PDB file of N, CA and C in Angstrom:
ATOM      1  N   MET A   1       0.853  -1.183   0.000  1.00  0.00           N
ATOM      2  CA  MET A   1       0.000   0.000   0.000  1.00  0.00           C
ATOM      3  C   MET A   1       0.898   1.244   0.000  1.00  0.00           C
ATOM      4  N   SER A   2       0.526   2.232  -0.791  1.00  0.00           N
ATOM      5  CA  SER A   2       1.299   3.463  -0.921  1.00  0.00           C
ATOM      6  C   SER A   2       1.020   4.400   0.252  1.00  0.00           C
ATOM      7  N   THR A   3       2.090   5.068   0.728  1.00  0.00           N
ATOM      8  CA  THR A   3       1.908   6.035   1.801  1.00  0.00           C
ATOM      9  C   THR A   3       1.759   7.452   1.256  1.00  0.00           C
ATOM     10  N   GLN A   4       1.934   7.598  -0.062  1.00  0.00           N
ATOM     11  CA  GLN A   4       1.804   8.920  -0.682  1.00  0.00           C
ATOM     12  C   GLN A   4       0.328   9.296  -0.742  1.00  0.00           C
ATOM     13  N   SER A   5       0.019  10.548  -0.399  1.00  0.00           N
ATOM     14  CA  SER A   5      -1.378  10.969  -0.407  1.00  0.00           C
ATOM     15  C   SER A   5      -1.871  11.195  -1.828  1.00  0.00           C
ATOM     16  N   GLN A   6      -3.149  10.930  -2.025  1.00  0.00           N
ATOM     17  CA  GLN A   6      -3.790  11.150  -3.316  1.00  0.00           C
ATOM     18  C   GLN A   6      -3.843  12.642  -3.587  1.00  0.00           C
ATOM     19  N   ARG A   7      -3.698  13.008  -4.843  1.00  0.00           N
ATOM     20  CA  ARG A   7      -3.755  14.419  -5.224  1.00  0.00           C
ATOM     21  C   ARG A   7      -4.927  14.622  -6.163  1.00  0.00           C
ATOM     22  N   LYS A   8      -5.357  15.886  -6.245  1.00  0.00           N
ATOM     23  CA  LYS A   8      -6.422  16.277  -7.168  1.00  0.00           C
ATOM     24  C   LYS A   8      -5.901  17.393  -8.047  1.00  0.00           C
ATOM     25  N   ARG A   9      -6.417  17.442  -9.273  1.00  0.00           N
ATOM     26  CA  ARG A   9      -6.026  18.481 -10.223  1.00  0.00           C
ATOM     27  C   ARG A   9      -7.278  19.011 -10.909  1.00  0.00           C
ATOM     28  N   CYS A  10      -7.330  20.329 -11.044  1.00  0.00           N
ATOM     29  CA  CYS A  10      -8.423  20.975 -11.768  1.00  0.00           C
ATOM     30  C   CYS A  10      -8.210  20.762 -13.259  1.00  0.00           C
ATOM     31  N   HIS A  11      -9.220  20.279 -13.939  1.00  0.00           N
ATOM     32  CA  HIS A  11      -9.119  20.050 -15.374  1.00  0.00           C
ATOM     33  C   HIS A  11      -9.100  21.373 -16.149  1.00  0.00           C
ATOM     34  N   GLY A  12      -9.646  22.420 -15.555  1.00  0.00           N
ATOM     35  CA  GLY A  12      -9.711  23.711 -16.234  1.00  0.00           C
ATOM     36  C   GLY A  12      -8.403  24.486 -16.232  1.00  0.00           C
ATOM     37  N   CYS A  13      -7.798  24.654 -15.040  1.00  0.00           N
ATOM     38  CA  CYS A  13      -6.608  25.509 -14.946  1.00  0.00           C
ATOM     39  C   CYS A  13      -5.353  24.768 -14.494  1.00  0.00           C
ATOM     40  N   GLN A  14      -5.486  23.464 -14.215  1.00  0.00           N
ATOM     41  CA  GLN A  14      -4.366  22.616 -13.800  1.00  0.00           C
ATOM     42  C   GLN A  14      -3.881  22.862 -12.371  1.00  0.00           C
ATOM     43  N   PHE A  15      -4.621  23.614 -11.560  1.00  0.00           N
ATOM     44  CA  PHE A  15      -4.279  23.775 -10.149  1.00  0.00           C
ATOM     45  C   PHE A  15      -4.282  22.393  -9.511  1.00  0.00           C
ATOM     46  N   GLU A  16      -3.324  22.113  -8.634  1.00  0.00           N
ATOM     47  CA  GLU A  16      -3.323  20.834  -7.949  1.00  0.00           C
ATOM     48  C   GLU A  16      -2.909  20.982  -6.489  1.00  0.00           C
ATOM     49  N   ALA A  17      -3.436  20.066  -5.680  1.00  0.00           N
ATOM     50  CA  ALA A  17      -3.132  20.022  -4.255  1.00  0.00           C
ATOM     51  C   ALA A  17      -3.536  18.639  -3.753  1.00  0.00           C
ATOM     52  N   ALA A  18      -3.118  18.307  -2.547  1.00  0.00           N
ATOM     53  CA  ALA A  18      -3.505  17.035  -1.936  1.00  0.00           C
ATOM     54  C   ALA A  18      -5.028  16.951  -1.848  1.00  0.00           C
ATOM     55  N   ALA A  19      -5.537  15.748  -1.965  1.00  0.00           N
ATOM     56  CA  ALA A  19      -6.987  15.546  -2.008  1.00  0.00           C
ATOM     57  C   ALA A  19      -7.724  16.146  -0.811  1.00  0.00           C
ATOM     58  N   GLY A  20      -7.181  16.034   0.388  1.00  0.00           N
ATOM     59  CA  GLY A  20      -7.872  16.552   1.567  1.00  0.00           C
ATOM     60  C   GLY A  20      -7.415  17.932   1.996  1.00  0.00           C
ATOM     61  N   ASP A  21      -6.654  18.597   1.150  1.00  0.00           N
ATOM     62  CA  ASP A  21      -6.075  19.893   1.503  1.00  0.00           C
ATOM     63  C   ASP A  21      -7.154  20.961   1.675  1.00  0.00           C
ATOM     64  N   ASP A  22      -6.942  21.861   2.623  1.00  0.00           N
ATOM     65  CA  ASP A  22      -7.891  22.952   2.871  1.00  0.00           C
ATOM     66  C   ASP A  22      -7.930  23.975   1.744  1.00  0.00           C
ATOM     67  N   GLU A  23      -6.969  23.910   0.815  1.00  0.00           N
ATOM     68  CA  GLU A  23      -6.982  24.848  -0.317  1.00  0.00           C
ATOM     69  C   GLU A  23      -8.211  24.632  -1.208  1.00  0.00           C
ATOM     70  N   TRP A  24      -8.664  23.383  -1.315  1.00  0.00           N
ATOM     71  CA  TRP A  24      -9.851  23.104  -2.123  1.00  0.00           C
ATOM     72  C   TRP A  24     -11.071  23.692  -1.445  1.00  0.00           C
ATOM     73  N   GLU A  25     -11.917  24.316  -2.236  1.00  0.00           N
ATOM     74  CA  GLU A  25     -13.172  24.835  -1.706  1.00  0.00           C
ATOM     75  C   GLU A  25     -14.239  23.761  -1.871  1.00  0.00           C
ATOM     76  N   ARG A  26     -15.268  23.847  -1.088  1.00  0.00           N
ATOM     77  CA  ARG A  26     -16.374  22.899  -1.182  1.00  0.00           C
ATOM     78  C   ARG A  26     -17.670  23.690  -1.286  1.00  0.00           C
ATOM     79  N   ILE A  27     -18.500  23.248  -2.200  1.00  0.00           N
ATOM     80  CA  ILE A  27     -19.789  23.910  -2.378  1.00  0.00           C
ATOM     81  C   ILE A  27     -20.899  22.865  -2.288  1.00  0.00           C
ATOM     82  N   ALA A  28     -22.068  23.290  -1.904  1.00  0.00           N
ATOM     83  CA  ALA A  28     -23.226  22.410  -1.816  1.00  0.00           C
ATOM     84  C   ALA A  28     -24.074  22.589  -3.069  1.00  0.00           C
ATOM     85  N   HIS A  29     -24.357  21.480  -3.737  1.00  0.00           N
ATOM     86  CA  HIS A  29     -25.222  21.477  -4.916  1.00  0.00           C
ATOM     87  C   HIS A  29     -26.523  20.791  -4.512  1.00  0.00           C
ATOM     88  N   PRO A  30     -27.684  21.374  -4.847  1.00  0.00           N
ATOM     89  CA  PRO A  30     -28.969  20.829  -4.395  1.00  0.00           C
ATOM     90  C   PRO A  30     -29.187  19.343  -4.711  1.00  0.00           C
ATOM     91  N   SER A  31     -28.837  18.902  -5.906  1.00  0.00           N
ATOM     92  CA  SER A  31     -29.107  17.502  -6.258  1.00  0.00           C
ATOM     93  C   SER A  31     -27.875  16.599  -6.212  1.00  0.00           C
ATOM     94  N   LEU A  32     -26.671  17.167  -6.260  1.00  0.00           N
ATOM     95  CA  LEU A  32     -25.450  16.356  -6.270  1.00  0.00           C
ATOM     96  C   LEU A  32     -24.767  16.264  -4.913  1.00  0.00           C
ATOM     97  N   GLY A  33     -25.139  17.116  -3.995  1.00  0.00           N
ATOM     98  CA  GLY A  33     -24.496  17.125  -2.681  1.00  0.00           C
ATOM     99  C   GLY A  33     -23.278  18.032  -2.680  1.00  0.00           C
ATOM    100  N   GLU A  34     -22.268  17.678  -1.886  1.00  0.00           N
ATOM    101  CA  GLU A  34     -21.071  18.511  -1.763  1.00  0.00           C
ATOM    102  C   GLU A  34     -20.105  18.240  -2.918  1.00  0.00           C
ATOM    103  N   LEU A  35     -19.628  19.310  -3.548  1.00  0.00           N
ATOM    104  CA  LEU A  35     -18.673  19.221  -4.647  1.00  0.00           C
ATOM    105  C   LEU A  35     -17.389  19.939  -4.267  1.00  0.00           C
ATOM    106  N   THR A  36     -16.276  19.441  -4.793  1.00  0.00           N
ATOM    107  CA  THR A  36     -14.994  20.117  -4.626  1.00  0.00           C
ATOM    108  C   THR A  36     -14.878  21.159  -5.729  1.00  0.00           C
ATOM    109  N   GLN A  37     -14.446  22.354  -5.357  1.00  0.00           N
ATOM    110  CA  GLN A  37     -14.333  23.460  -6.316  1.00  0.00           C
ATOM    111  C   GLN A  37     -12.913  24.010  -6.287  1.00  0.00           C
ATOM    112  N   CYS A  38     -12.391  24.340  -7.468  1.00  0.00           N
ATOM    113  CA  CYS A  38     -11.055  24.898  -7.592  1.00  0.00           C
ATOM    114  C   CYS A  38     -11.027  26.322  -7.036  1.00  0.00           C
ATOM    115  N   PRO A  39     -10.059  26.621  -6.169  1.00  0.00           N
ATOM    116  CA  PRO A  39      -9.972  27.969  -5.625  1.00  0.00           C
ATOM    117  C   PRO A  39      -9.421  28.985  -6.630  1.00  0.00           C
ATOM    118  N   GLU A  40      -8.797  28.509  -7.695  1.00  0.00           N
ATOM    119  CA  GLU A  40      -8.204  29.396  -8.694  1.00  0.00           C
ATOM    120  C   GLU A  40      -9.219  29.860  -9.739  1.00  0.00           C
ATOM    121  N   CYS A  41      -9.983  28.906 -10.302  1.00  0.00           N
ATOM    122  CA  CYS A  41     -10.877  29.271 -11.411  1.00  0.00           C
ATOM    123  C   CYS A  41     -12.364  28.995 -11.132  1.00  0.00           C
ATOM    124  N   GLY A  42     -12.662  28.311 -10.026  1.00  0.00           N
ATOM    125  CA  GLY A  42     -14.052  28.048  -9.667  1.00  0.00           C
ATOM    126  C   GLY A  42     -14.642  26.804 -10.304  1.00  0.00           C
ATOM    127  N   SER A  43     -13.880  26.082 -11.106  1.00  0.00           N
ATOM    128  CA  SER A  43     -14.376  24.883 -11.763  1.00  0.00           C
ATOM    129  C   SER A  43     -14.643  23.776 -10.758  1.00  0.00           C
ATOM    130  N   THR A  44     -15.614  22.914 -11.053  1.00  0.00           N
ATOM    131  CA  THR A  44     -15.854  21.731 -10.254  1.00  0.00           C
ATOM    132  C   THR A  44     -15.421  20.477 -11.011  1.00  0.00           C
ATOM    133  N   ASP A  45     -14.733  20.642 -12.122  1.00  0.00           N
ATOM    134  CA  ASP A  45     -14.199  19.518 -12.910  1.00  0.00           C
ATOM    135  C   ASP A  45     -12.823  19.168 -12.340  1.00  0.00           C
ATOM    136  N   ILE A  46     -12.829  18.421 -11.231  1.00  0.00           N
ATOM    137  CA  ILE A  46     -11.633  18.077 -10.482  1.00  0.00           C
ATOM    138  C   ILE A  46     -11.364  16.596 -10.667  1.00  0.00           C
ATOM    139  N   ARG A  47     -10.118  16.238 -10.958  1.00  0.00           N
ATOM    140  CA  ARG A  47      -9.759  14.833 -11.195  1.00  0.00           C
ATOM    141  C   ARG A  47      -8.722  14.358 -10.174  1.00  0.00           C
ATOM    142  N   ASN A  48      -8.863  13.106  -9.747  1.00  0.00           N
ATOM    143  CA  ASN A  48      -7.876  12.483  -8.869  1.00  0.00           C
ATOM    144  C   ASN A  48      -6.715  11.968  -9.700  1.00  0.00           C
ATOM    145  N   PHE A  49      -5.521  12.006  -9.136  1.00  0.00           N
ATOM    146  CA  PHE A  49      -4.349  11.391  -9.753  1.00  0.00           C
ATOM    147  C   PHE A  49      -3.329  11.098  -8.671  1.00  0.00           C
ATOM    148  N   GLY A  50      -2.312  10.346  -9.035  1.00  0.00           N
ATOM    149  CA  GLY A  50      -1.204  10.085  -8.104  1.00  0.00           C
ATOM    150  C   GLY A  50      -1.436   9.042  -7.096  1.00  0.00           C
TER     151      GLY A  50
END
C-alpha cells in the first residue's frame, strides 16, 4: 500500500493540491451534494491522480 497521499487536479486551470487539503473549496449542490471546487478558477471539474 502506498503512503503517498492522493492528489487532485483541476481540469480547467491545472491547479493541484492534496486531495484533503484545505486549499480546495467545497460547495453544496442541491441535487449532487457537496462538490470540490477549484480555488483558482471556480471549476468543479476536479480529477484524482497520483
